[in-house]
Amino acid sequence: MSASHAGPETGAQIYAGYNLDFFGLTVDLSSQRTLVHYNDLASVTASTAGANPNLTASFASGTYALDPRPPRALDRLTLGIPLKFDIATVSASIINLVEADGTRSRIVTASLSRQLPYGASLFATGFVDLSQRNNSGVFAGISIPLGPCVHANIGGSIGDSGRYGQIDIGQTLQSANGSVGWRLRDLEGTNAIRVGDAGYRSPYGTVQTEVSQQSKTIGTLGSLDGSFGYINTGGVFAGNRIADGFAVVNAGVPAIPVYRDNRLIGETDPWGKLVVPDLRSYQSNQIGIDPLALPANAEARSTKQIVAPAVRSGVGINFGIDKQIDAAVVQLNDVDGRPINVGAKGHRKDDSESFVVGYDGQAYIKHLQPDNIIVVDQGDHDCIAHFSYEAAGGKRVVIGPVTCQ
C-alpha cells in the first residue's frame, strides 16, 4: 500500500499479487486499485500539472490530452504452460483495466515463445480488447544475437491500425569508456518510420546522434552528456554523467586499465586519471587496477581499494604508484654455472629489503644502484654476487647470468 499528497489531493494505492509454480504450470494473479485522488511522481510532474493546485479539474477540463495518473483498477491473470512435445512455452492473460479518466478495457492475450539454436528466440502474441472490438492484433518476430553486444530483431504485425514489418539491428552502448553503440530500425507499413542512431562513450562524456524519417519528414537529434567537477585529491576533471557517487582515480601513469567490481570501465588518461561516475552511494565499491600494465620501473603499493562515497559526492583514489623504483630481473648462478635454487632468499648488502629467487635462478630486485652487492642464503652457506645496473627508460631490465660465490 502507498499514499500520496499533491496540492489539495490525497489518495492511496493498494496492490496484491500471488504467484504459483506447479509442475511447470505458472499462475500469476494480481490486482491494483487507487483510492480517492492518488498521484505518483509521473502524474505530478507531467507537463505543468505539478504546479496546478487542482489536478483533477485540470485533467477533467481537457487541459491534457492523456490523463497521466495511475489507473483506477488493473487486474491481471496469467497462465503459463510449457509444451510437453516441444521446448516452447505458451501463455494466456486476461487483463481488466480502468484508466484514470474512466476508460475501460478488457484485454485477452495469447503468447508463444521458443528458444532456437545459437541463442536465437521466436515469439508471437495475439490480443483482442473485448471492450473495443476494433482493437485487436497479432505480432510475431525472431530475435537473433550476432555477437556479444550486437542483436537483431525481425518481426511483423497485423491489426486494426494497419500492417507493419520491422527490422531492428544494433549494438548496445556499454558502460566502459571507448564503447560504441549504434542502431538501425526500419518500420514499413501504413506509416513508415526509419531511424539510425550512433553513440560513443569517452572518458569525458557520451555523445549521441540520431537521424529519423517518417513519411516525408526528416529529423535529426544530437546530444552530449557528461559532467565537470573538482576534488581536492584529483583536481579538476571532466567525465560522464554522475547519477550517484563517483571517484577520481589518480594512478599517475597513463593507459592503466581500471576495474569496478572486477569489470573493466576504462583506462587512465594521459595525465594518469580516470573518473568513475556510477558508484553506489553508502555501499562498498571495489576499484582496482591491472598491475601488469604498469611500466617496468613502476610499482603499486596496492591494486584494489574499497570506497563508499556519499550520495552525489566523490572520493579520490591513489594506489601509491612509485614510477621510479630502479628494479631489474637478475639471473643468478652458482660457481658451477647452475641456477640458484628456487626459494632462496637474499638481500642487498647495504639494505635489509629482501628478495626471493624464482625459477631459473631469476630474482626481481628493487632499489638498485649503479653498483650493487647482494647476499644470497643457500641454506648451508651464503654467497655474494656483484653486478652493475643502468636504467632503460621504463623498459624491463634483465641482468645476467651473474655468478654468486
Protein backbone atom coordinates (compact mmCIF):
# COMPACT_ATOMS: atom_id res chain seq x y z
CA MET A 1 0.00 0.00 0.00
CA SER A 2 1.19 3.52 -0.76
CA ALA A 3 -0.21 7.00 -0.18
CA SER A 4 0.26 10.37 -1.87
CA HIS A 5 -0.38 14.04 -1.21
CA ALA A 6 -0.10 16.62 -4.02
CA GLY A 7 -1.65 20.07 -3.67
CA PRO A 8 -5.14 19.62 -2.21
CA GLU A 9 -5.32 15.98 -3.33
CA THR A 10 -4.71 12.98 -1.11
CA GLY A 11 -5.09 9.36 -2.09
CA ALA A 12 -3.80 5.83 -1.75
CA GLN A 13 -2.97 2.80 -3.86
CA ILE A 14 -3.21 -0.86 -2.87
CA TYR A 15 -1.70 -3.84 -4.64
CA ALA A 16 -1.81 -7.59 -4.05
CA GLY A 17 -0.27 -10.40 -6.07
CA TYR A 18 0.05 -14.17 -5.99
CA ASN A 19 2.40 -16.45 -7.91
CA LEU A 20 2.22 -20.22 -8.21
CA ASP A 21 4.59 -22.64 -9.93
CA PHE A 22 3.13 -26.14 -10.03
CA PHE A 23 4.83 -28.86 -12.11
CA GLY A 24 5.80 -26.33 -14.79
CA LEU A 25 2.42 -24.55 -14.76
CA THR A 26 2.79 -20.92 -13.67
CA VAL A 27 -0.06 -18.79 -12.41
CA ASP A 28 0.26 -15.05 -11.82
CA LEU A 29 -2.66 -13.20 -10.26
CA SER A 30 -2.52 -9.53 -9.29
CA SER A 31 -4.86 -6.63 -8.56
CA GLN A 32 -4.19 -2.92 -8.15
CA ARG A 33 -6.63 -0.19 -7.01
CA THR A 34 -6.30 3.54 -6.46
CA LEU A 35 -8.42 5.27 -3.81
CA VAL A 36 -9.72 8.86 -3.85
CA HIS A 37 -7.20 11.13 -5.66
CA TYR A 38 -3.97 9.14 -5.84
CA ASN A 39 -0.98 10.57 -7.75
CA ASP A 40 2.55 9.36 -8.38
CA LEU A 41 5.71 11.19 -9.45
CA ALA A 42 4.88 10.75 -13.14
CA SER A 43 1.48 12.39 -12.84
CA VAL A 44 2.52 15.38 -10.73
CA THR A 45 5.47 16.15 -13.00
CA ALA A 46 3.58 15.69 -16.29
CA SER A 47 3.74 18.98 -18.21
CA THR A 48 2.70 21.73 -15.75
CA ALA A 49 0.33 19.56 -13.79
CA GLY A 50 2.63 19.58 -10.76
CA ALA A 51 2.13 23.33 -10.41
CA ASN A 52 -1.65 23.17 -10.77
CA PRO A 53 -3.43 23.39 -7.40
CA ASN A 54 -6.36 21.32 -8.70
CA LEU A 55 -5.01 18.33 -10.60
CA THR A 56 -8.36 16.60 -11.04
CA ALA A 57 -10.04 19.65 -12.52
CA SER A 58 -7.09 20.17 -14.85
CA PHE A 59 -7.35 16.66 -16.27
CA ALA A 60 -11.16 16.69 -16.42
CA SER A 61 -11.26 20.01 -18.26
CA GLY A 62 -9.24 18.54 -21.12
CA THR A 63 -6.14 20.61 -20.50
CA TYR A 64 -4.14 17.41 -21.04
CA ALA A 65 -4.86 15.01 -23.89
CA LEU A 66 -3.94 11.99 -21.76
CA ASP A 67 -4.54 11.60 -18.06
CA PRO A 68 -1.12 10.56 -16.68
CA ARG A 69 -2.44 9.46 -13.29
CA PRO A 70 -2.25 5.75 -12.35
CA PRO A 71 -5.23 3.62 -13.49
CA ARG A 72 -8.16 3.24 -11.13
CA ALA A 73 -8.04 -0.54 -11.49
CA LEU A 74 -5.62 -3.02 -13.02
CA ASP A 75 -6.36 -6.74 -12.64
CA ARG A 76 -4.37 -9.46 -14.37
CA LEU A 77 -4.49 -13.25 -14.55
CA THR A 78 -1.73 -15.03 -16.48
CA LEU A 79 -1.28 -18.76 -17.11
CA GLY A 80 1.96 -20.18 -18.50
CA ILE A 81 2.28 -23.76 -19.77
CA PRO A 82 5.40 -25.45 -21.22
CA LEU A 83 4.56 -27.81 -24.08
CA LYS A 84 5.40 -31.46 -23.42
CA PHE A 85 6.13 -32.23 -27.08
CA ASP A 86 8.35 -29.16 -27.62
CA ILE A 87 10.57 -26.71 -25.71
CA ALA A 88 8.19 -23.86 -26.48
CA THR A 89 6.09 -22.13 -23.82
CA VAL A 90 2.58 -20.79 -24.28
CA SER A 91 0.81 -18.31 -22.03
CA ALA A 92 -2.52 -16.53 -21.86
CA SER A 93 -3.61 -13.45 -19.95
CA ILE A 94 -6.82 -11.68 -19.07
CA ILE A 95 -6.42 -8.00 -18.16
CA ASN A 96 -9.06 -5.69 -16.72
CA LEU A 97 -8.02 -2.04 -16.96
CA VAL A 98 -9.86 1.10 -15.86
CA GLU A 99 -7.91 4.23 -16.77
CA ALA A 100 -7.86 7.33 -14.57
CA ASP A 101 -10.36 9.00 -16.92
CA GLY A 102 -12.78 6.06 -16.62
CA THR A 103 -11.95 4.35 -19.95
CA ARG A 104 -12.42 0.57 -19.62
CA SER A 105 -10.52 -2.17 -21.39
CA ARG A 106 -10.80 -5.92 -21.05
CA ILE A 107 -7.92 -7.48 -22.95
CA VAL A 108 -7.28 -11.15 -23.72
CA THR A 109 -3.81 -12.13 -24.95
CA ALA A 110 -2.12 -15.36 -26.01
CA SER A 111 1.65 -15.76 -26.50
CA LEU A 112 4.10 -18.35 -27.76
CA SER A 113 7.87 -18.26 -27.19
CA ARG A 114 10.53 -20.75 -28.19
CA GLN A 115 14.31 -20.88 -27.90
CA LEU A 116 16.16 -21.60 -31.15
CA PRO A 117 19.73 -22.75 -31.82
CA TYR A 118 22.65 -20.32 -31.46
CA GLY A 119 20.86 -18.20 -28.84
CA ALA A 120 18.02 -17.07 -31.10
CA SER A 121 14.39 -16.99 -29.94
CA LEU A 122 10.97 -16.91 -31.58
CA PHE A 123 7.91 -15.13 -30.19
CA ALA A 124 4.32 -14.48 -31.25
CA THR A 125 1.46 -12.69 -29.48
CA GLY A 126 -2.16 -12.03 -30.29
CA PHE A 127 -4.58 -9.77 -28.40
CA VAL A 128 -8.15 -8.53 -28.51
CA ASP A 129 -9.86 -5.87 -26.43
CA LEU A 130 -13.33 -7.21 -25.58
CA SER A 131 -14.47 -3.69 -24.68
CA GLN A 132 -13.43 -2.29 -28.07
CA ARG A 133 -13.92 -4.87 -30.82
CA ASN A 134 -11.92 -2.78 -33.29
CA ASN A 135 -8.82 -3.05 -31.12
CA SER A 136 -7.06 -6.35 -31.86
CA GLY A 137 -3.93 -7.58 -33.50
CA VAL A 138 -1.19 -10.15 -33.88
CA PHE A 139 2.55 -9.61 -33.91
CA ALA A 140 5.43 -12.07 -34.22
CA GLY A 141 9.17 -11.98 -34.64
CA ILE A 142 12.54 -13.56 -34.17
CA SER A 143 15.48 -12.31 -32.10
CA ILE A 144 19.00 -13.23 -33.23
CA PRO A 145 22.26 -12.44 -31.39
CA LEU A 146 25.03 -11.55 -33.84
CA GLY A 147 27.81 -11.10 -31.30
CA PRO A 148 28.48 -10.32 -27.63
CA CYS A 149 26.73 -6.93 -27.90
CA VAL A 150 25.07 -6.99 -31.35
CA HIS A 151 21.48 -8.13 -31.73
CA ALA A 152 18.86 -8.24 -34.48
CA ASN A 153 15.08 -8.40 -34.30
CA ILE A 154 12.85 -9.13 -37.28
CA GLY A 155 9.08 -9.10 -36.97
CA GLY A 156 5.71 -8.01 -38.24
CA SER A 157 2.23 -7.16 -37.02
CA ILE A 158 -1.34 -7.14 -38.30
CA GLY A 159 -4.04 -5.18 -36.54
CA ASP A 160 -6.77 -2.60 -36.80
CA SER A 161 -4.11 0.11 -37.04
CA GLY A 162 -2.59 -1.47 -40.16
CA ARG A 163 0.09 -3.89 -41.25
CA TYR A 164 3.74 -3.43 -40.42
CA GLY A 165 7.04 -5.18 -40.99
CA GLN A 166 10.08 -4.28 -38.93
CA ILE A 167 13.80 -5.00 -38.80
CA ASP A 168 15.90 -3.71 -35.93
CA ILE A 169 19.63 -4.30 -35.63
CA GLY A 170 22.05 -2.65 -33.24
CA GLN A 171 24.95 -2.78 -30.85
CA THR A 172 24.39 -1.82 -27.22
CA LEU A 173 26.42 1.09 -25.85
CA GLN A 174 28.37 -0.37 -22.93
CA SER A 175 29.41 1.37 -19.71
CA ALA A 176 33.14 1.03 -20.45
CA ASN A 177 34.95 4.02 -21.92
CA GLY A 178 35.62 3.63 -25.63
CA SER A 179 32.34 1.78 -26.16
CA VAL A 180 30.46 2.37 -29.44
CA GLY A 181 26.73 1.80 -29.83
CA TRP A 182 24.54 2.02 -32.90
CA ARG A 183 21.09 1.06 -34.13
CA LEU A 184 19.26 0.81 -37.46
CA ARG A 185 15.47 0.44 -37.46
CA ASP A 186 13.17 0.18 -40.45
CA LEU A 187 9.40 0.01 -39.92
CA GLU A 188 7.47 -0.42 -43.16
CA GLY A 189 3.71 -0.32 -43.44
CA THR A 190 0.85 2.13 -43.17
CA ASN A 191 3.17 4.75 -41.68
CA ALA A 192 6.83 4.03 -42.49
CA ILE A 193 9.50 5.03 -39.95
CA ARG A 194 13.26 4.74 -40.45
CA VAL A 195 15.73 5.52 -37.68
CA GLY A 196 19.50 5.39 -37.42
CA ASP A 197 21.49 6.40 -34.35
CA ALA A 198 25.02 6.09 -33.02
CA GLY A 199 26.73 6.82 -29.74
CA TYR A 200 30.25 6.91 -28.32
CA ARG A 201 31.26 6.85 -24.67
CA SER A 202 34.57 8.60 -23.97
CA PRO A 203 36.26 9.22 -20.61
CA TYR A 204 34.99 12.82 -20.80
CA GLY A 205 31.34 12.25 -21.72
CA THR A 206 28.95 10.47 -24.07
CA VAL A 207 27.96 11.82 -27.48
CA GLN A 208 24.93 10.53 -29.39
CA THR A 209 23.29 11.39 -32.69
CA GLU A 210 20.14 10.24 -34.46
CA VAL A 211 18.58 10.66 -37.91
CA SER A 212 14.95 9.67 -38.47
CA GLN A 213 12.48 9.70 -41.34
CA GLN A 214 8.70 9.48 -41.02
CA SER A 215 6.81 9.83 -44.30
CA LYS A 216 8.41 12.91 -45.90
CA THR A 217 9.68 14.40 -42.66
CA ILE A 218 13.36 14.03 -41.75
CA GLY A 219 14.59 14.89 -38.27
CA THR A 220 17.99 14.92 -36.56
CA LEU A 221 18.93 14.84 -32.91
CA GLY A 222 22.25 15.16 -31.14
CA SER A 223 23.29 15.18 -27.51
CA LEU A 224 26.40 15.49 -25.37
CA ASP A 225 26.11 14.11 -21.86
CA GLY A 226 28.79 14.48 -19.21
CA SER A 227 29.99 16.27 -16.09
CA PHE A 228 32.61 18.69 -14.75
CA GLY A 229 33.83 18.74 -11.19
CA TYR A 230 36.63 19.29 -8.72
CA ILE A 231 38.00 17.09 -5.98
CA ASN A 232 40.94 18.09 -3.80
CA THR A 233 42.80 14.81 -4.32
CA GLY A 234 42.32 14.76 -8.08
CA GLY A 235 41.91 18.36 -9.19
CA VAL A 236 39.52 19.48 -11.95
CA PHE A 237 38.02 16.67 -14.02
CA ALA A 238 35.59 16.01 -16.84
CA GLY A 239 33.69 12.75 -17.05
CA ASN A 240 30.44 11.01 -17.81
CA ARG A 241 27.16 11.88 -16.11
CA ILE A 242 27.23 11.46 -12.33
CA ALA A 243 23.97 9.99 -11.05
CA ASP A 244 25.03 8.86 -7.58
CA GLY A 245 28.51 8.62 -6.10
CA PHE A 246 31.77 8.96 -8.04
CA ALA A 247 35.51 8.51 -7.70
CA VAL A 248 38.57 10.05 -9.33
CA VAL A 249 41.35 7.51 -9.81
CA ASN A 250 44.78 9.14 -9.82
CA ALA A 251 47.27 6.48 -10.90
CA GLY A 252 49.86 8.94 -12.17
CA VAL A 253 50.51 6.64 -15.17
CA PRO A 254 48.56 6.75 -18.46
CA ALA A 255 46.80 3.80 -20.13
CA ILE A 256 46.32 1.79 -16.91
CA PRO A 257 43.14 -0.39 -17.02
CA VAL A 258 40.73 0.40 -14.16
CA TYR A 259 38.13 -2.07 -12.88
CA ARG A 260 34.98 -1.61 -10.85
CA ASP A 261 33.87 -4.80 -9.09
CA ASN A 262 36.16 -6.76 -11.46
CA ARG A 263 34.54 -5.19 -14.54
CA LEU A 264 36.68 -3.08 -16.89
CA ILE A 265 35.41 0.51 -17.04
CA GLY A 266 38.25 2.28 -18.83
CA GLU A 267 41.87 3.36 -18.82
CA THR A 268 43.60 6.31 -17.23
CA ASP A 269 44.06 9.38 -19.46
CA PRO A 270 47.42 10.94 -20.49
CA TRP A 271 47.59 12.53 -17.03
CA GLY A 272 47.04 9.19 -15.29
CA LYS A 273 43.47 9.95 -14.15
CA LEU A 274 40.04 8.40 -14.70
CA VAL A 275 36.61 9.42 -13.45
CA VAL A 276 34.38 6.56 -12.26
CA PRO A 277 30.91 8.18 -12.35
CA ASP A 278 28.49 5.42 -11.34
CA LEU A 279 29.41 4.26 -7.83
CA ARG A 280 26.74 3.14 -5.34
CA SER A 281 26.48 5.69 -2.55
CA TYR A 282 26.92 4.46 1.04
CA GLN A 283 27.80 0.99 -0.27
CA SER A 284 31.07 -0.83 -0.83
CA ASN A 285 32.54 -0.38 -4.32
CA GLN A 286 35.74 -2.20 -5.25
CA ILE A 287 38.03 -0.21 -7.53
CA GLY A 288 41.16 -1.88 -8.89
CA ILE A 289 43.90 -1.53 -11.48
CA ASP A 290 45.81 -4.06 -13.58
CA PRO A 291 49.38 -4.14 -12.21
CA LEU A 292 50.61 -5.96 -15.33
CA ALA A 293 50.01 -2.78 -17.32
CA LEU A 294 52.42 -0.74 -15.19
CA PRO A 295 55.77 0.23 -16.71
CA ALA A 296 58.69 -1.99 -15.80
CA ASN A 297 60.11 0.65 -13.47
CA ALA A 298 56.80 1.27 -11.63
CA GLU A 299 55.17 -0.47 -8.70
CA ALA A 300 51.81 -0.01 -6.95
CA ARG A 301 51.54 -0.04 -3.17
CA SER A 302 48.02 -1.53 -3.59
CA THR A 303 45.98 -2.72 -6.58
CA LYS A 304 42.48 -2.68 -5.05
CA GLN A 305 40.58 -0.31 -2.77
CA ILE A 306 37.08 -0.33 -1.29
CA VAL A 307 35.26 3.04 -1.25
CA ALA A 308 31.76 4.08 -0.14
CA PRO A 309 31.01 7.68 -1.24
CA ALA A 310 28.08 9.74 -0.02
CA VAL A 311 25.24 10.45 -2.44
CA ARG A 312 26.37 12.79 -5.25
CA SER A 313 29.77 13.04 -3.59
CA GLY A 314 33.18 11.86 -4.68
CA VAL A 315 36.30 10.23 -3.32
CA GLY A 316 39.88 10.33 -4.53
CA ILE A 317 41.72 7.04 -5.05
CA ASN A 318 45.50 6.83 -5.14
CA PHE A 319 47.17 3.43 -5.47
CA GLY A 320 50.54 4.76 -4.37
CA ILE A 321 52.32 4.05 -7.63
CA ASP A 322 56.08 4.61 -7.49
CA LYS A 323 57.26 5.36 -11.03
CA GLN A 324 60.99 5.15 -10.32
CA ILE A 325 61.85 2.03 -8.35
CA ASP A 326 65.05 1.14 -10.29
CA ALA A 327 64.46 -2.60 -10.44
CA ALA A 328 65.76 -5.45 -12.59
CA VAL A 329 65.45 -9.19 -13.08
CA VAL A 330 68.81 -10.69 -12.17
CA GLN A 331 69.69 -14.24 -13.22
CA LEU A 332 71.86 -15.82 -10.52
CA ASN A 333 74.09 -18.88 -11.00
CA ASP A 334 76.33 -20.70 -8.54
CA VAL A 335 80.06 -21.24 -9.06
CA ASP A 336 79.32 -24.33 -11.17
CA GLY A 337 77.13 -22.33 -13.57
CA ARG A 338 73.85 -23.83 -12.29
CA PRO A 339 70.87 -21.58 -11.39
CA ILE A 340 70.49 -20.72 -7.71
CA ASN A 341 67.83 -22.92 -6.05
CA VAL A 342 64.21 -21.79 -6.18
CA GLY A 343 63.07 -20.17 -2.93
CA ALA A 344 66.48 -18.97 -1.83
CA LYS A 345 66.30 -15.63 -0.03
CA GLY A 346 68.67 -12.74 -0.45
CA HIS A 347 69.18 -9.04 0.22
CA ARG A 348 71.34 -6.14 -0.88
CA LYS A 349 74.44 -5.92 1.28
CA ASP A 350 73.71 -2.33 2.33
CA ASP A 351 69.93 -2.78 2.62
CA SER A 352 67.63 -5.01 4.68
CA GLU A 353 64.97 -5.28 1.92
CA SER A 354 64.86 -8.93 0.87
CA PHE A 355 64.04 -10.77 -2.34
CA VAL A 356 63.28 -14.38 -3.29
CA VAL A 357 64.90 -16.34 -6.11
CA GLY A 358 62.43 -17.81 -8.58
CA TYR A 359 62.71 -20.36 -11.37
CA ASP A 360 65.90 -20.50 -13.47
CA GLY A 361 67.70 -18.52 -10.78
CA GLN A 362 65.82 -15.31 -11.61
CA ALA A 363 65.25 -12.74 -8.85
CA TYR A 364 63.38 -9.43 -9.01
CA ILE A 365 65.49 -6.92 -7.09
CA LYS A 366 64.39 -3.33 -6.38
CA HIS A 367 66.07 -0.03 -5.47
CA LEU A 368 69.26 -0.80 -7.32
CA GLN A 369 72.31 1.48 -7.55
CA PRO A 370 74.84 1.75 -10.39
CA ASP A 371 76.98 -0.81 -8.48
CA ASN A 372 75.34 -3.48 -6.31
CA ILE A 373 76.43 -6.26 -3.99
CA ILE A 374 73.86 -8.89 -2.91
CA VAL A 375 73.98 -11.73 -0.41
CA VAL A 376 72.00 -14.97 -1.05
CA ASP A 377 71.28 -17.57 1.64
CA GLN A 378 71.74 -21.04 0.08
CA GLY A 379 70.95 -22.99 3.23
CA ASP A 380 74.36 -24.29 4.27
CA HIS A 381 76.24 -21.15 3.25
CA ASP A 382 75.87 -17.63 1.87
CA CYS A 383 77.11 -16.49 -1.50
CA ILE A 384 77.87 -12.97 -2.70
CA ALA A 385 77.31 -11.51 -6.17
CA HIS A 386 78.34 -8.20 -7.69
CA PHE A 387 76.71 -6.54 -10.72
CA SER A 388 76.09 -3.13 -12.29
CA TYR A 389 72.72 -1.56 -13.11
CA GLU A 390 71.61 1.05 -15.65
CA ALA A 391 68.01 2.20 -16.15
CA ALA A 392 66.47 1.57 -19.57
CA GLY A 393 63.89 4.36 -19.81
CA GLY A 394 60.92 2.48 -18.38
CA LYS A 395 61.71 -0.79 -20.12
CA ARG A 396 62.30 -4.06 -18.31
CA VAL A 397 65.95 -4.58 -17.35
CA VAL A 398 67.41 -8.13 -17.33
CA ILE A 399 70.88 -8.68 -15.92
CA GLY A 400 72.98 -11.81 -16.03
CA PRO A 401 73.77 -14.50 -15.66
CA VAL A 402 75.66 -13.32 -12.58
CA THR A 403 77.84 -15.72 -10.58
CA CYS A 404 77.12 -15.86 -6.84
CA GLN A 405 80.18 -17.19 -4.96
